[in-house]
Amino acid sequence: MYVAVNKGDKPNKHFVEYIDYLVSKNYVSEPMKPWVTRIKDNGNEATHELPPSDEKMATDTLQFTATLLHLIYEIEHQMGSSGR
């Protein structure tokens, strides 16, 4: 949600709408969409229940989120500051 709003979407929407926005603006590619949806579903479950932690899911979620933030913010900043 934060990334989508930071990149121009409106607040107070459903999370799936933020995923669609990020895809429509090419911040998330179509092949990446299932991963973002999986993270959304995992976060939604954790918000409403206290399921046992799944180490693989937590690791996958952390790695994908870090990669997504790296691509959207760090690479974008590096390209912008390179003068191109």
C-alpha atoms as a PDB file:
ATOM      1  CA  MET A   1       0.000   0.000   0.000  1.00  0.00           C
ATOM      2  CA  TYR A   2       2.714   2.459   0.986  1.00  0.00           C
ATOM      3  CA  VAL A   3       4.689   1.917  -2.220  1.00  0.00           C
ATOM      4  CA  ALA A   4       1.599   2.318  -4.424  1.00  0.00           C
ATOM      5  CA  VAL A   5       0.486   5.501  -2.640  1.00  0.00           C
ATOM      6  CA  ASN A   6       4.039   6.834  -2.690  1.00  0.00           C
ATOM      7  CA  LYS A   7       4.071   6.229  -6.444  1.00  0.00           C
ATOM      8  CA  GLY A   8       0.800   8.067  -7.072  1.00  0.00           C
ATOM      9  CA  ASP A   9      -2.173   5.885  -6.106  1.00  0.00           C
ATOM     10  CA  LYS A  10      -4.848   7.053  -3.682  1.00  0.00           C
ATOM     11  CA  PRO A  11      -5.018   5.882  -0.032  1.00  0.00           C
ATOM     12  CA  ASN A  12      -7.859   3.884   1.542  1.00  0.00           C
ATOM     13  CA  LYS A  13      -8.241   1.248  -1.134  1.00  0.00           C
ATOM     14  CA  HIS A  14      -8.184  -2.539  -1.005  1.00  0.00           C
ATOM     15  CA  PHE A  15      -4.708  -4.028  -1.070  1.00  0.00           C
ATOM     16  CA  VAL A  16      -5.418  -5.926  -4.290  1.00  0.00           C
ATOM     17  CA  GLU A  17      -6.097  -2.573  -5.964  1.00  0.00           C
ATOM     18  CA  TYR A  18      -2.609  -1.433  -4.964  1.00  0.00           C
ATOM     19  CA  ILE A  19      -1.138  -4.558  -6.531  1.00  0.00           C
ATOM     20  CA  ASP A  20      -3.034  -3.838  -9.749  1.00  0.00           C
ATOM     21  CA  TYR A  21      -1.814  -0.231  -9.662  1.00  0.00           C
ATOM     22  CA  LEU A  22       1.825  -1.283  -9.263  1.00  0.00           C
ATOM     23  CA  VAL A  23       1.428  -3.722 -12.163  1.00  0.00           C
ATOM     24  CA  SER A  24      -0.283  -1.093 -14.341  1.00  0.00           C
ATOM     25  CA  LYS A  25       2.595   1.329 -13.706  1.00  0.00           C
ATOM     26  CA  ASN A  26       5.207  -1.392 -14.349  1.00  0.00           C
ATOM     27  CA  TYR A  27       6.659  -1.288 -10.842  1.00  0.00           C
ATOM     28  CA  VAL A  28       5.647  -4.948 -10.553  1.00  0.00           C
ATOM     29  CA  SER A  29       5.838  -7.062 -13.677  1.00  0.00           C
ATOM     30  CA  GLU A  30       3.053  -9.460 -14.569  1.00  0.00           C
ATOM     31  CA  PRO A  31       5.257 -12.483 -13.675  1.00  0.00           C
ATOM     32  CA  MET A  32       5.904 -10.918 -10.236  1.00  0.00           C
ATOM     33  CA  LYS A  33       2.187 -10.432  -9.502  1.00  0.00           C
ATOM     34  CA  PRO A  34       1.664 -13.936  -8.015  1.00  0.00           C
ATOM     35  CA  TRP A  35       4.467 -13.253  -5.513  1.00  0.00           C
ATOM     36  CA  VAL A  36       2.948  -9.938  -4.452  1.00  0.00           C
ATOM     37  CA  THR A  37      -0.436 -11.636  -4.130  1.00  0.00           C
ATOM     38  CA  ARG A  38       1.128 -14.390  -2.030  1.00  0.00           C
ATOM     39  CA  ILE A  39       2.679 -11.797   0.282  1.00  0.00           C
ATOM     40  CA  LYS A  40      -0.704 -10.043   0.519  1.00  0.00           C
ATOM     41  CA  ASP A  41      -2.465 -13.291   1.400  1.00  0.00           C
ATOM     42  CA  ASN A  42       0.180 -14.202   3.980  1.00  0.00           C
ATOM     43  CA  GLY A  43      -0.028 -10.756   5.572  1.00  0.00           C
ATOM     44  CA  ASN A  44      -3.821 -10.861   5.596  1.00  0.00           C
ATOM     45  CA  GLU A  45      -3.801 -14.218   7.351  1.00  0.00           C
ATOM     46  CA  ALA A  46      -1.280 -12.992   9.912  1.00  0.00           C
ATOM     47  CA  THR A  47      -3.421  -9.913  10.569  1.00  0.00           C
ATOM     48  CA  HIS A  48      -6.547 -11.909  11.383  1.00  0.00           C
ATOM     49  CA  GLU A  49      -5.071 -15.014  12.961  1.00  0.00           C
ATOM     50  CA  LEU A  50      -1.929 -16.059  14.757  1.00  0.00           C
ATOM     51  CA  PRO A  51      -0.828 -19.023  12.657  1.00  0.00           C
ATOM     52  CA  PRO A  52       2.415 -20.817  13.416  1.00  0.00           C
ATOM     53  CA  SER A  53       5.308 -19.144  11.650  1.00  0.00           C
ATOM     54  CA  ASP A  54       6.453 -20.760   8.446  1.00  0.00           C
ATOM     55  CA  GLU A  55      10.166 -20.033   8.139  1.00  0.00           C
ATOM     56  CA  LYS A  56      10.253 -20.540   4.361  1.00  0.00           C
ATOM     57  CA  MET A  57       7.295 -18.205   3.790  1.00  0.00           C
ATOM     58  CA  ALA A  58       8.810 -15.588   6.078  1.00  0.00           C
ATOM     59  CA  THR A  59      12.168 -15.829   4.311  1.00  0.00           C
ATOM     60  CA  ASP A  60      10.576 -15.735   0.856  1.00  0.00           C
ATOM     61  CA  THR A  61       8.432 -12.748   1.838  1.00  0.00           C
ATOM     62  CA  LEU A  62      11.414 -10.866   3.245  1.00  0.00           C
ATOM     63  CA  GLN A  63      13.612 -11.574   0.216  1.00  0.00           C
ATOM     64  CA  PHE A  64      10.949 -10.582  -2.298  1.00  0.00           C
ATOM     65  CA  THR A  65      10.008  -7.446  -0.383  1.00  0.00           C
ATOM     66  CA  ALA A  66      13.654  -6.396  -0.135  1.00  0.00           C
ATOM     67  CA  THR A  67      14.118  -6.990  -3.872  1.00  0.00           C
ATOM     68  CA  LEU A  68      10.948  -5.066  -4.707  1.00  0.00           C
ATOM     69  CA  LEU A  69      12.000  -2.089  -2.579  1.00  0.00           C
ATOM     70  CA  HIS A  70      15.492  -2.230  -4.056  1.00  0.00           C
ATOM     71  CA  LEU A  71      14.125  -2.127  -7.601  1.00  0.00           C
ATOM     72  CA  ILE A  72      11.528   0.561  -6.958  1.00  0.00           C
ATOM     73  CA  TYR A  73      13.574   2.908  -4.802  1.00  0.00           C
ATOM     74  CA  GLU A  74      17.307   2.207  -4.890  1.00  0.00           C
ATOM     75  CA  ILE A  75      17.719   1.460  -8.597  1.00  0.00           C
ATOM     76  CA  GLU A  76      15.361   4.292  -9.524  1.00  0.00           C
ATOM     77  CA  HIS A  77      17.408   6.676  -7.335  1.00  0.00           C
ATOM     78  CA  GLN A  78      20.715   5.440  -8.763  1.00  0.00           C
ATOM     79  CA  MET A  79      19.469   5.891 -12.321  1.00  0.00           C
ATOM     80  CA  GLY A  80      18.177   9.364 -11.513  1.00  0.00           C
ATOM     81  CA  SER A  81      21.384  10.472  -9.840  1.00  0.00           C
ATOM     82  CA  SER A  82      23.538   9.157 -12.671  1.00  0.00           C
ATOM     83  CA  GLY A  83      22.370  12.030 -14.888  1.00  0.00           C
ATOM     84  CA  ARG A  84      20.687   9.855 -17.485  1.00  0.00           C
END
